[in-house]
N, C-alpha and C. Protein backbone atom coordinates (compact mmCIF):
# COMPACT_ATOMS: atom_id res chain seq x y z
N MET A 1 -3.40 105.64 75.20
CA MET A 1 -4.42 106.69 75.14
C MET A 1 -3.73 108.05 75.15
N PRO A 2 -4.11 108.97 74.29
CA PRO A 2 -3.43 110.26 74.25
C PRO A 2 -3.60 111.02 75.56
N GLN A 3 -2.54 111.74 75.95
CA GLN A 3 -2.61 112.53 77.16
C GLN A 3 -3.36 113.84 76.90
N THR A 4 -4.15 114.26 77.88
CA THR A 4 -4.85 115.53 77.76
C THR A 4 -3.85 116.67 77.84
N MET A 5 -4.03 117.66 76.98
CA MET A 5 -3.17 118.84 76.99
C MET A 5 -3.72 119.87 77.96
N ASN A 6 -2.85 120.55 78.64
CA ASN A 6 -3.28 121.64 79.52
C ASN A 6 -3.74 122.84 78.70
N LYS A 7 -4.73 123.54 79.21
CA LYS A 7 -5.20 124.79 78.59
C LYS A 7 -4.61 125.94 79.39
N ILE A 8 -3.87 126.81 78.70
CA ILE A 8 -3.10 127.84 79.38
C ILE A 8 -3.43 129.21 78.81
N VAL A 9 -3.48 130.20 79.70
CA VAL A 9 -3.54 131.60 79.31
C VAL A 9 -2.47 132.35 80.09
N PHE A 10 -1.65 133.10 79.40
CA PHE A 10 -0.68 133.99 80.03
C PHE A 10 -1.26 135.40 80.05
N ILE A 11 -1.13 136.09 81.17
CA ILE A 11 -1.67 137.44 81.29
C ILE A 11 -0.64 138.36 81.92
N ASP A 12 -0.42 139.51 81.31
CA ASP A 12 0.40 140.56 81.91
C ASP A 12 -0.36 141.14 83.10
N ARG A 13 0.34 141.82 84.00
CA ARG A 13 -0.34 142.34 85.19
C ARG A 13 -0.75 143.80 85.04
N ASP A 14 0.21 144.72 85.14
CA ASP A 14 -0.10 146.15 85.18
C ASP A 14 -0.72 146.61 83.87
N GLY A 15 -1.88 147.25 83.96
CA GLY A 15 -2.57 147.72 82.77
C GLY A 15 -3.52 146.69 82.18
N VAL A 16 -3.47 145.48 82.67
CA VAL A 16 -4.34 144.41 82.16
C VAL A 16 -5.21 143.87 83.31
N ILE A 17 -4.55 143.37 84.35
CA ILE A 17 -5.27 142.90 85.54
C ILE A 17 -5.61 144.08 86.45
N ASN A 18 -4.65 144.96 86.64
CA ASN A 18 -4.87 146.13 87.50
C ASN A 18 -4.68 147.42 86.71
N VAL A 19 -5.27 148.48 87.22
CA VAL A 19 -5.17 149.79 86.59
C VAL A 19 -3.72 150.24 86.61
N ASP A 20 -3.21 150.67 85.45
CA ASP A 20 -1.85 151.18 85.37
C ASP A 20 -1.84 152.61 85.90
N LEU A 21 -0.96 152.86 86.85
CA LEU A 21 -0.86 154.18 87.48
C LEU A 21 0.09 155.10 86.74
N TRP A 22 0.66 154.63 85.62
CA TRP A 22 1.71 155.34 84.90
C TRP A 22 2.96 155.48 85.77
N LYS A 23 3.03 154.64 86.77
CA LYS A 23 4.22 154.46 87.60
C LYS A 23 4.10 153.07 88.22
N TYR A 24 5.13 152.64 88.93
CA TYR A 24 5.06 151.32 89.56
C TYR A 24 4.02 151.28 90.68
N VAL A 25 3.36 150.14 90.81
CA VAL A 25 2.53 149.88 91.98
C VAL A 25 3.49 149.45 93.09
N GLU A 26 3.67 150.32 94.06
CA GLU A 26 4.67 150.08 95.10
C GLU A 26 4.08 149.47 96.37
N ARG A 27 2.77 149.63 96.57
CA ARG A 27 2.12 149.11 97.77
C ARG A 27 0.67 148.75 97.46
N TRP A 28 0.12 147.88 98.28
CA TRP A 28 -1.21 147.37 98.02
C TRP A 28 -2.26 148.48 97.98
N GLN A 29 -2.07 149.51 98.76
CA GLN A 29 -3.05 150.59 98.80
C GLN A 29 -3.21 151.28 97.45
N GLU A 30 -2.22 151.13 96.57
CA GLU A 30 -2.29 151.74 95.24
C GLU A 30 -2.93 150.83 94.19
N PHE A 31 -3.13 149.59 94.54
CA PHE A 31 -3.58 148.57 93.58
C PHE A 31 -5.09 148.64 93.40
N ARG A 32 -5.54 148.71 92.13
CA ARG A 32 -6.96 148.65 91.81
C ARG A 32 -7.15 147.74 90.60
N PHE A 33 -8.06 146.81 90.70
CA PHE A 33 -8.33 145.92 89.57
C PHE A 33 -8.95 146.70 88.42
N GLU A 34 -8.57 146.36 87.19
CA GLU A 34 -9.35 146.79 86.04
C GLU A 34 -10.76 146.23 86.21
N PRO A 35 -11.79 147.00 85.89
CA PRO A 35 -13.17 146.58 86.21
C PRO A 35 -13.55 145.19 85.72
N SER A 36 -13.11 144.82 84.53
CA SER A 36 -13.54 143.53 83.97
C SER A 36 -12.65 142.36 84.38
N ALA A 37 -11.52 142.64 85.05
CA ALA A 37 -10.49 141.61 85.21
C ALA A 37 -10.90 140.45 86.11
N PRO A 38 -11.40 140.65 87.32
CA PRO A 38 -11.71 139.49 88.15
C PRO A 38 -12.74 138.55 87.52
N ALA A 39 -13.80 139.12 86.95
CA ALA A 39 -14.81 138.26 86.32
C ALA A 39 -14.25 137.54 85.11
N ALA A 40 -13.37 138.20 84.36
CA ALA A 40 -12.75 137.57 83.20
C ALA A 40 -11.91 136.37 83.62
N MET A 41 -11.12 136.55 84.66
CA MET A 41 -10.27 135.45 85.12
C MET A 41 -11.10 134.34 85.76
N LYS A 42 -12.22 134.70 86.39
CA LYS A 42 -13.13 133.67 86.92
C LYS A 42 -13.71 132.84 85.78
N ALA A 43 -14.08 133.49 84.69
CA ALA A 43 -14.61 132.76 83.53
C ALA A 43 -13.57 131.81 82.96
N LEU A 44 -12.32 132.26 82.87
CA LEU A 44 -11.25 131.39 82.38
C LEU A 44 -10.99 130.23 83.34
N THR A 45 -11.00 130.52 84.64
CA THR A 45 -10.85 129.46 85.64
C THR A 45 -11.96 128.43 85.49
N ASP A 46 -13.20 128.91 85.38
CA ASP A 46 -14.34 127.99 85.28
C ASP A 46 -14.28 127.14 84.01
N ALA A 47 -13.62 127.68 82.97
CA ALA A 47 -13.50 126.94 81.71
C ALA A 47 -12.30 125.99 81.72
N GLY A 48 -11.58 125.93 82.83
CA GLY A 48 -10.50 124.96 82.96
C GLY A 48 -9.13 125.44 82.53
N PHE A 49 -8.97 126.75 82.35
CA PHE A 49 -7.67 127.28 81.96
C PHE A 49 -6.75 127.45 83.17
N ASP A 50 -5.49 127.13 82.97
CA ASP A 50 -4.44 127.48 83.93
C ASP A 50 -3.97 128.89 83.58
N ILE A 51 -4.07 129.81 84.55
CA ILE A 51 -3.69 131.20 84.33
C ILE A 51 -2.32 131.45 84.92
N PHE A 52 -1.43 131.99 84.09
CA PHE A 52 -0.10 132.38 84.53
C PHE A 52 0.07 133.88 84.33
N ILE A 53 0.49 134.58 85.37
CA ILE A 53 0.80 136.00 85.27
C ILE A 53 2.27 136.14 84.88
N ILE A 54 2.53 136.93 83.85
CA ILE A 54 3.88 137.15 83.34
C ILE A 54 4.12 138.65 83.32
N SER A 55 5.02 139.15 84.18
CA SER A 55 5.11 140.60 84.36
C SER A 55 6.54 141.07 84.59
N ASN A 56 6.93 142.12 83.87
CA ASN A 56 8.18 142.81 84.17
C ASN A 56 7.96 143.72 85.37
N GLN A 57 8.83 143.62 86.36
CA GLN A 57 8.76 144.49 87.55
C GLN A 57 10.16 145.01 87.85
N ALA A 58 10.67 145.81 86.91
CA ALA A 58 12.04 146.31 87.02
C ALA A 58 12.22 147.29 88.17
N GLY A 59 11.11 147.75 88.77
CA GLY A 59 11.23 148.64 89.92
C GLY A 59 12.04 148.05 91.05
N VAL A 60 12.04 146.71 91.16
CA VAL A 60 12.85 146.07 92.19
C VAL A 60 14.33 146.22 91.85
N GLY A 61 14.71 145.82 90.65
CA GLY A 61 16.11 145.91 90.25
C GLY A 61 16.62 147.33 90.16
N ASP A 62 15.73 148.28 89.87
CA ASP A 62 16.12 149.69 89.77
C ASP A 62 16.03 150.41 91.11
N GLY A 63 15.67 149.69 92.17
CA GLY A 63 15.67 150.28 93.50
C GLY A 63 14.49 151.18 93.83
N VAL A 64 13.41 151.08 93.06
CA VAL A 64 12.23 151.91 93.32
C VAL A 64 11.40 151.33 94.47
N PHE A 65 11.28 150.02 94.51
CA PHE A 65 10.59 149.35 95.62
C PHE A 65 11.28 148.01 95.83
N THR A 66 10.95 147.35 96.93
CA THR A 66 11.66 146.13 97.31
C THR A 66 10.95 144.88 96.84
N ALA A 67 11.68 143.78 96.86
CA ALA A 67 11.08 142.48 96.55
C ALA A 67 9.99 142.13 97.56
N GLU A 68 10.16 142.56 98.80
CA GLU A 68 9.14 142.32 99.83
C GLU A 68 7.86 143.08 99.51
N GLN A 69 7.99 144.31 99.02
CA GLN A 69 6.80 145.08 98.64
C GLN A 69 6.08 144.41 97.47
N LEU A 70 6.84 143.93 96.49
CA LEU A 70 6.24 143.23 95.36
C LEU A 70 5.51 141.98 95.85
N ARG A 71 6.14 141.24 96.74
CA ARG A 71 5.52 140.02 97.27
C ARG A 71 4.23 140.34 98.02
N ASP A 72 4.23 141.41 98.79
CA ASP A 72 3.04 141.79 99.54
C ASP A 72 1.88 142.13 98.60
N VAL A 73 2.16 142.92 97.56
CA VAL A 73 1.13 143.26 96.59
C VAL A 73 0.61 141.99 95.92
N HIS A 74 1.54 141.14 95.52
CA HIS A 74 1.16 139.90 94.84
C HIS A 74 0.28 139.03 95.73
N GLU A 75 0.67 138.83 96.97
CA GLU A 75 -0.08 137.95 97.86
C GLU A 75 -1.47 138.49 98.14
N LYS A 76 -1.58 139.79 98.29
CA LYS A 76 -2.90 140.38 98.54
C LYS A 76 -3.78 140.30 97.28
N MET A 77 -3.17 140.50 96.11
CA MET A 77 -3.91 140.35 94.85
C MET A 77 -4.43 138.92 94.72
N ILE A 78 -3.58 137.94 94.98
CA ILE A 78 -3.99 136.54 94.89
C ILE A 78 -5.11 136.25 95.88
N GLY A 79 -5.01 136.81 97.08
CA GLY A 79 -6.05 136.62 98.07
C GLY A 79 -7.39 137.15 97.61
N GLU A 80 -7.38 138.34 97.01
CA GLU A 80 -8.62 138.94 96.49
C GLU A 80 -9.19 138.09 95.36
N LEU A 81 -8.34 137.65 94.45
CA LEU A 81 -8.81 136.85 93.33
C LEU A 81 -9.33 135.49 93.78
N THR A 82 -8.63 134.87 94.72
CA THR A 82 -9.07 133.57 95.24
C THR A 82 -10.46 133.70 95.87
N ALA A 83 -10.67 134.79 96.59
CA ALA A 83 -11.98 135.02 97.22
C ALA A 83 -13.09 135.16 96.18
N ARG A 84 -12.72 135.53 94.96
CA ARG A 84 -13.71 135.69 93.89
C ARG A 84 -13.79 134.47 92.97
N GLY A 85 -13.14 133.40 93.39
CA GLY A 85 -13.24 132.15 92.64
C GLY A 85 -12.22 131.99 91.53
N VAL A 86 -11.19 132.84 91.52
CA VAL A 86 -10.16 132.77 90.49
C VAL A 86 -9.00 131.90 90.99
N ARG A 87 -8.48 131.06 90.11
CA ARG A 87 -7.30 130.26 90.46
C ARG A 87 -6.14 130.66 89.56
N ILE A 88 -5.11 131.21 90.18
CA ILE A 88 -3.89 131.55 89.45
C ILE A 88 -2.91 130.39 89.60
N LYS A 89 -2.55 129.78 88.49
CA LYS A 89 -1.65 128.61 88.53
C LYS A 89 -0.24 129.04 88.93
N GLY A 90 0.18 130.21 88.45
CA GLY A 90 1.53 130.68 88.77
C GLY A 90 1.69 132.13 88.37
N ALA A 91 2.63 132.80 89.01
CA ALA A 91 2.95 134.18 88.66
C ALA A 91 4.47 134.31 88.60
N HIS A 92 4.95 134.87 87.52
CA HIS A 92 6.38 134.96 87.30
C HIS A 92 6.74 136.40 86.96
N TYR A 93 7.64 136.95 87.77
CA TYR A 93 8.02 138.35 87.64
C TYR A 93 9.50 138.47 87.32
N CYS A 94 9.82 139.32 86.34
CA CYS A 94 11.22 139.68 86.12
C CYS A 94 11.50 140.91 86.96
N THR A 95 12.36 140.77 87.94
CA THR A 95 12.67 141.88 88.84
C THR A 95 14.01 142.53 88.53
N HIS A 96 14.62 142.15 87.41
CA HIS A 96 15.90 142.74 87.03
C HIS A 96 15.71 144.17 86.52
N SER A 97 16.79 144.92 86.57
CA SER A 97 16.77 146.30 86.08
C SER A 97 16.40 146.35 84.60
N LYS A 98 15.80 147.47 84.21
CA LYS A 98 15.52 147.68 82.78
C LYS A 98 16.78 147.60 81.95
N HIS A 99 17.91 147.92 82.55
CA HIS A 99 19.17 147.98 81.82
C HIS A 99 19.97 146.68 81.92
N GLY A 100 19.39 145.70 82.58
CA GLY A 100 20.07 144.41 82.68
C GLY A 100 19.96 143.63 81.39
N ASN A 101 20.71 142.56 81.31
CA ASN A 101 20.70 141.73 80.09
C ASN A 101 20.22 140.32 80.45
N CYS A 102 19.09 140.27 81.17
CA CYS A 102 18.58 138.98 81.62
C CYS A 102 17.79 138.30 80.50
N SER A 103 17.51 137.03 80.70
CA SER A 103 16.74 136.27 79.71
C SER A 103 15.25 136.26 80.02
N CYS A 104 14.87 136.89 81.15
CA CYS A 104 13.46 136.78 81.56
C CYS A 104 12.66 138.06 81.32
N ARG A 105 13.31 139.17 81.03
CA ARG A 105 12.56 140.40 80.82
C ARG A 105 11.92 140.37 79.43
N LYS A 106 10.58 140.55 79.40
CA LYS A 106 9.92 140.62 78.11
C LYS A 106 10.50 141.76 77.28
N PRO A 107 10.74 141.58 75.99
CA PRO A 107 10.15 140.55 75.12
C PRO A 107 10.89 139.22 75.04
N ARG A 108 11.87 138.99 75.91
CA ARG A 108 12.47 137.66 75.96
C ARG A 108 11.50 136.69 76.63
N THR A 109 11.79 135.42 76.55
CA THR A 109 10.77 134.41 76.88
C THR A 109 11.09 133.58 78.12
N GLY A 110 12.07 133.99 78.90
CA GLY A 110 12.46 133.19 80.06
C GLY A 110 11.35 132.93 81.05
N LEU A 111 10.50 133.93 81.29
CA LEU A 111 9.41 133.74 82.25
C LEU A 111 8.40 132.71 81.75
N PHE A 112 8.12 132.72 80.46
CA PHE A 112 7.20 131.74 79.89
C PHE A 112 7.77 130.33 80.03
N GLU A 113 9.04 130.20 79.70
CA GLU A 113 9.68 128.89 79.77
C GLU A 113 9.66 128.34 81.19
N LYS A 114 9.92 129.22 82.16
CA LYS A 114 9.89 128.80 83.57
C LYS A 114 8.48 128.38 83.97
N ALA A 115 7.49 129.14 83.52
CA ALA A 115 6.10 128.88 83.91
C ALA A 115 5.63 127.50 83.46
N VAL A 116 6.00 127.08 82.27
CA VAL A 116 5.43 125.86 81.70
C VAL A 116 6.43 124.71 81.64
N GLU A 117 7.47 124.80 82.42
CA GLU A 117 8.45 123.70 82.44
C GLU A 117 7.75 122.40 82.83
N GLY A 118 7.84 121.42 81.96
CA GLY A 118 7.23 120.12 82.22
C GLY A 118 5.74 120.03 81.93
N VAL A 119 5.16 121.10 81.40
CA VAL A 119 3.72 121.14 81.12
C VAL A 119 3.46 120.84 79.65
N ARG A 120 2.46 120.02 79.37
CA ARG A 120 2.10 119.72 77.99
C ARG A 120 0.96 120.64 77.56
N PHE A 121 1.19 121.40 76.52
CA PHE A 121 0.15 122.30 76.02
C PHE A 121 0.45 122.62 74.56
N LYS A 122 -0.55 123.16 73.89
CA LYS A 122 -0.39 123.52 72.48
C LYS A 122 -0.21 125.02 72.36
N LYS A 123 0.93 125.44 71.86
CA LYS A 123 1.16 126.88 71.71
C LYS A 123 0.15 127.51 70.75
N SER A 124 -0.27 126.77 69.75
CA SER A 124 -1.20 127.33 68.76
C SER A 124 -2.58 127.61 69.36
N GLU A 125 -2.86 127.06 70.54
CA GLU A 125 -4.15 127.26 71.20
C GLU A 125 -3.99 128.03 72.52
N THR A 126 -2.84 128.68 72.66
CA THR A 126 -2.52 129.40 73.89
C THR A 126 -2.39 130.88 73.58
N PHE A 127 -2.87 131.72 74.50
CA PHE A 127 -2.85 133.17 74.31
C PHE A 127 -2.02 133.86 75.38
N PHE A 128 -1.43 134.99 75.00
CA PHE A 128 -0.84 135.93 75.96
C PHE A 128 -1.55 137.26 75.79
N VAL A 129 -2.07 137.79 76.89
CA VAL A 129 -2.82 139.04 76.89
C VAL A 129 -1.96 140.13 77.52
N GLY A 130 -1.72 141.22 76.79
CA GLY A 130 -0.91 142.31 77.33
C GLY A 130 -1.33 143.64 76.77
N ASP A 131 -0.67 144.70 77.26
CA ASP A 131 -1.02 146.06 76.83
C ASP A 131 0.14 146.81 76.20
N LYS A 132 1.30 146.18 76.11
CA LYS A 132 2.48 146.86 75.57
C LYS A 132 3.03 146.10 74.36
N ALA A 133 3.80 146.82 73.55
CA ALA A 133 4.43 146.19 72.39
C ALA A 133 5.33 145.05 72.83
N THR A 134 6.03 145.22 73.96
CA THR A 134 6.92 144.15 74.44
C THR A 134 6.14 142.89 74.81
N ASP A 135 4.88 143.05 75.24
CA ASP A 135 4.06 141.87 75.52
C ASP A 135 3.76 141.11 74.23
N ILE A 136 3.39 141.85 73.21
CA ILE A 136 3.07 141.21 71.93
C ILE A 136 4.31 140.55 71.34
N GLU A 137 5.43 141.25 71.40
CA GLU A 137 6.69 140.66 70.91
C GLU A 137 7.03 139.40 71.68
N ALA A 138 6.86 139.45 73.00
CA ALA A 138 7.19 138.28 73.82
C ALA A 138 6.31 137.10 73.45
N GLY A 139 5.01 137.35 73.28
CA GLY A 139 4.12 136.27 72.89
C GLY A 139 4.50 135.67 71.55
N LYS A 140 4.81 136.54 70.60
CA LYS A 140 5.24 136.07 69.28
C LYS A 140 6.54 135.29 69.39
N ASN A 141 7.47 135.79 70.18
CA ASN A 141 8.76 135.10 70.35
C ASN A 141 8.58 133.71 70.95
N PHE A 142 7.57 133.57 71.81
CA PHE A 142 7.33 132.28 72.45
C PHE A 142 6.46 131.38 71.58
N GLY A 143 5.84 131.95 70.56
CA GLY A 143 5.07 131.15 69.62
C GLY A 143 3.62 130.95 69.98
N VAL A 144 3.08 131.84 70.85
CA VAL A 144 1.67 131.74 71.20
C VAL A 144 0.90 132.87 70.53
N ARG A 145 -0.43 132.78 70.59
CA ARG A 145 -1.28 133.82 70.01
C ARG A 145 -1.34 135.01 70.97
N THR A 146 -1.57 136.19 70.42
CA THR A 146 -1.46 137.40 71.22
C THR A 146 -2.72 138.24 71.14
N ILE A 147 -3.05 138.86 72.28
CA ILE A 147 -4.19 139.78 72.36
C ILE A 147 -3.71 141.07 73.02
N LEU A 148 -3.92 142.18 72.36
CA LEU A 148 -3.63 143.49 72.92
C LEU A 148 -4.91 144.08 73.49
N VAL A 149 -4.88 144.48 74.76
CA VAL A 149 -6.02 145.18 75.35
C VAL A 149 -5.76 146.68 75.29
N ARG A 150 -6.84 147.45 75.25
CA ARG A 150 -6.71 148.91 75.14
C ARG A 150 -6.60 149.58 76.51
N THR A 151 -6.67 148.82 77.58
CA THR A 151 -6.44 149.38 78.91
C THR A 151 -4.94 149.59 79.11
N GLY A 152 -4.57 150.27 80.20
CA GLY A 152 -3.15 150.53 80.44
C GLY A 152 -2.54 151.31 79.30
N TYR A 153 -1.43 150.81 78.78
CA TYR A 153 -0.75 151.45 77.65
C TYR A 153 -1.32 150.99 76.31
N GLY A 154 -2.35 150.14 76.35
CA GLY A 154 -2.80 149.49 75.12
C GLY A 154 -3.29 150.42 74.04
N ALA A 155 -4.04 151.47 74.42
CA ALA A 155 -4.57 152.39 73.40
C ALA A 155 -3.43 153.11 72.68
N GLU A 156 -2.40 153.48 73.43
CA GLU A 156 -1.22 154.11 72.81
C GLU A 156 -0.44 153.11 71.98
N THR A 157 -0.32 151.89 72.49
CA THR A 157 0.39 150.85 71.75
C THR A 157 -0.29 150.59 70.42
N GLU A 158 -1.62 150.58 70.42
CA GLU A 158 -2.37 150.29 69.19
C GLU A 158 -2.05 151.29 68.09
N LYS A 159 -1.80 152.53 68.47
CA LYS A 159 -1.52 153.57 67.48
C LYS A 159 -0.16 153.38 66.81
N LYS A 160 0.72 152.60 67.43
CA LYS A 160 2.11 152.50 66.96
C LYS A 160 2.47 151.07 66.54
N LEU A 161 1.47 150.27 66.21
CA LEU A 161 1.73 148.88 65.85
C LEU A 161 2.56 148.78 64.57
N THR A 162 3.45 147.83 64.55
CA THR A 162 4.26 147.51 63.37
C THR A 162 4.02 146.04 63.05
N PRO A 163 4.51 145.56 61.91
CA PRO A 163 4.35 144.13 61.63
C PRO A 163 4.90 143.24 62.74
N ALA A 164 5.97 143.70 63.39
CA ALA A 164 6.58 142.89 64.45
C ALA A 164 5.75 142.88 65.73
N THR A 165 4.91 143.90 65.93
CA THR A 165 4.14 143.99 67.16
C THR A 165 2.64 143.86 66.94
N ARG A 166 2.22 143.49 65.75
CA ARG A 166 0.79 143.39 65.48
C ARG A 166 0.25 142.11 66.11
N PRO A 167 -0.72 142.24 67.03
CA PRO A 167 -1.25 141.05 67.70
C PRO A 167 -2.27 140.32 66.83
N ASP A 168 -2.68 139.16 67.30
CA ASP A 168 -3.74 138.44 66.61
C ASP A 168 -5.07 139.16 66.77
N TYR A 169 -5.28 139.78 67.94
CA TYR A 169 -6.53 140.49 68.21
C TYR A 169 -6.24 141.74 69.04
N VAL A 170 -7.06 142.78 68.83
CA VAL A 170 -7.06 143.96 69.68
C VAL A 170 -8.47 144.08 70.26
N VAL A 171 -8.57 144.16 71.59
CA VAL A 171 -9.87 144.23 72.25
C VAL A 171 -9.84 145.31 73.32
N ASP A 172 -10.99 145.62 73.89
CA ASP A 172 -11.06 146.73 74.83
C ASP A 172 -10.41 146.44 76.17
N ASP A 173 -10.60 145.24 76.70
CA ASP A 173 -10.12 144.96 78.06
C ASP A 173 -10.00 143.45 78.26
N LEU A 174 -9.64 143.06 79.48
CA LEU A 174 -9.43 141.64 79.76
C LEU A 174 -10.73 140.86 79.64
N GLY A 175 -11.86 141.50 79.95
CA GLY A 175 -13.14 140.82 79.77
C GLY A 175 -13.36 140.42 78.32
N ALA A 176 -13.08 141.34 77.40
CA ALA A 176 -13.24 141.04 75.97
C ALA A 176 -12.21 140.02 75.52
N ALA A 177 -11.01 140.08 76.11
CA ALA A 177 -9.99 139.09 75.77
C ALA A 177 -10.42 137.69 76.19
N ALA A 178 -10.99 137.58 77.38
CA ALA A 178 -11.48 136.28 77.84
C ALA A 178 -12.58 135.75 76.93
N ASP A 179 -13.46 136.63 76.49
CA ASP A 179 -14.51 136.23 75.55
C ASP A 179 -13.89 135.66 74.27
N ARG A 180 -12.85 136.32 73.78
CA ARG A 180 -12.17 135.87 72.55
C ARG A 180 -11.52 134.51 72.77
N ILE A 181 -10.88 134.33 73.91
CA ILE A 181 -10.20 133.06 74.22
C ILE A 181 -11.23 131.93 74.33
N LEU A 182 -12.32 132.20 75.01
CA LEU A 182 -13.35 131.16 75.17
C LEU A 182 -14.02 130.83 73.84
N ALA A 183 -14.18 131.84 72.98
CA ALA A 183 -14.72 131.58 71.64
C ALA A 183 -13.77 130.71 70.83
N ALA A 184 -12.47 130.98 70.95
CA ALA A 184 -11.48 130.16 70.24
C ALA A 184 -11.49 128.74 70.75
N GLN A 185 -11.66 128.58 72.07
CA GLN A 185 -11.75 127.24 72.64
C GLN A 185 -12.97 126.49 72.09
N ALA A 186 -14.11 127.18 72.03
CA ALA A 186 -15.33 126.55 71.51
C ALA A 186 -15.15 126.16 70.05
N ASP A 187 -14.45 127.00 69.29
CA ASP A 187 -14.20 126.70 67.88
C ASP A 187 -13.31 125.48 67.75
N THR A 188 -12.31 125.38 68.61
CA THR A 188 -11.42 124.22 68.58
C THR A 188 -12.18 122.95 68.92
N LYS A 189 -13.07 123.03 69.91
CA LYS A 189 -13.87 121.85 70.28
C LYS A 189 -14.71 121.38 69.11
N SER A 190 -15.35 122.32 68.42
CA SER A 190 -16.24 121.94 67.33
C SER A 190 -15.47 121.33 66.16
N LYS A 191 -14.23 121.79 65.97
CA LYS A 191 -13.44 121.26 64.86
C LYS A 191 -12.85 119.89 65.17
N THR A 192 -12.45 119.68 66.43
CA THR A 192 -11.76 118.43 66.76
C THR A 192 -12.69 117.37 67.32
N ASP A 193 -13.85 117.82 67.88
CA ASP A 193 -14.84 116.89 68.44
C ASP A 193 -14.20 115.91 69.41
N VAL A 194 -13.47 116.47 70.39
CA VAL A 194 -12.82 115.61 71.39
C VAL A 194 -13.44 115.83 72.76
N GLY A 195 -14.65 116.33 72.81
CA GLY A 195 -15.35 116.46 74.07
C GLY A 195 -14.71 117.44 75.04
N GLY A 196 -13.98 118.39 74.53
CA GLY A 196 -13.40 119.41 75.40
C GLY A 196 -11.95 119.18 75.74
N SER A 197 -11.39 118.02 75.36
CA SER A 197 -9.98 117.77 75.66
C SER A 197 -9.11 118.28 74.51
N TYR A 198 -7.93 118.72 74.88
CA TYR A 198 -6.94 119.12 73.88
C TYR A 198 -5.93 118.01 73.79
N GLU A 199 -5.93 117.32 72.66
CA GLU A 199 -5.07 116.15 72.52
C GLU A 199 -4.27 116.22 71.23
N ASN A 200 -3.16 115.52 71.21
CA ASN A 200 -2.37 115.39 69.98
C ASN A 200 -3.06 114.43 69.03
């Protein structure tokens, strides 16, 4: 019997899940959710998607804030989302300096590879939602579909798109991105008629 494929969504953090401050979020008191984000992630959770956060956080490697501060912000964010019915399967942060030559800083794909190690899923039915050109490049490099949101840096990114950074979709925010992902899922169901399972 064919194995069921996992349904996965990758989401960038700053500017997508939370309001981008045009600087690093160094402490929880600075963190504010984008208005549509919690409900969007709840809808994805309810639809059976595994949500992975994929985020560059070079402020740690560059000495702007500590790994402990990042962990505190992350844990409090997860607590807030959990209280709203959201399930985050995993969160993967590149904490290396912007000037480092690591394999995990987007647009490289190390964080994606770590997130889904041993997981069966279809890249053609998987999305990465971000607000920067590096997010779109990373998604393309990993072979998944890409959605650019206009929150955070997204509106500026949209003005400077090139063939290499052109996403599959451009939408206003994470709420609209979730709508697009759920519509794509419904379209896949209708075409494959597998009762909601993603199978080979």
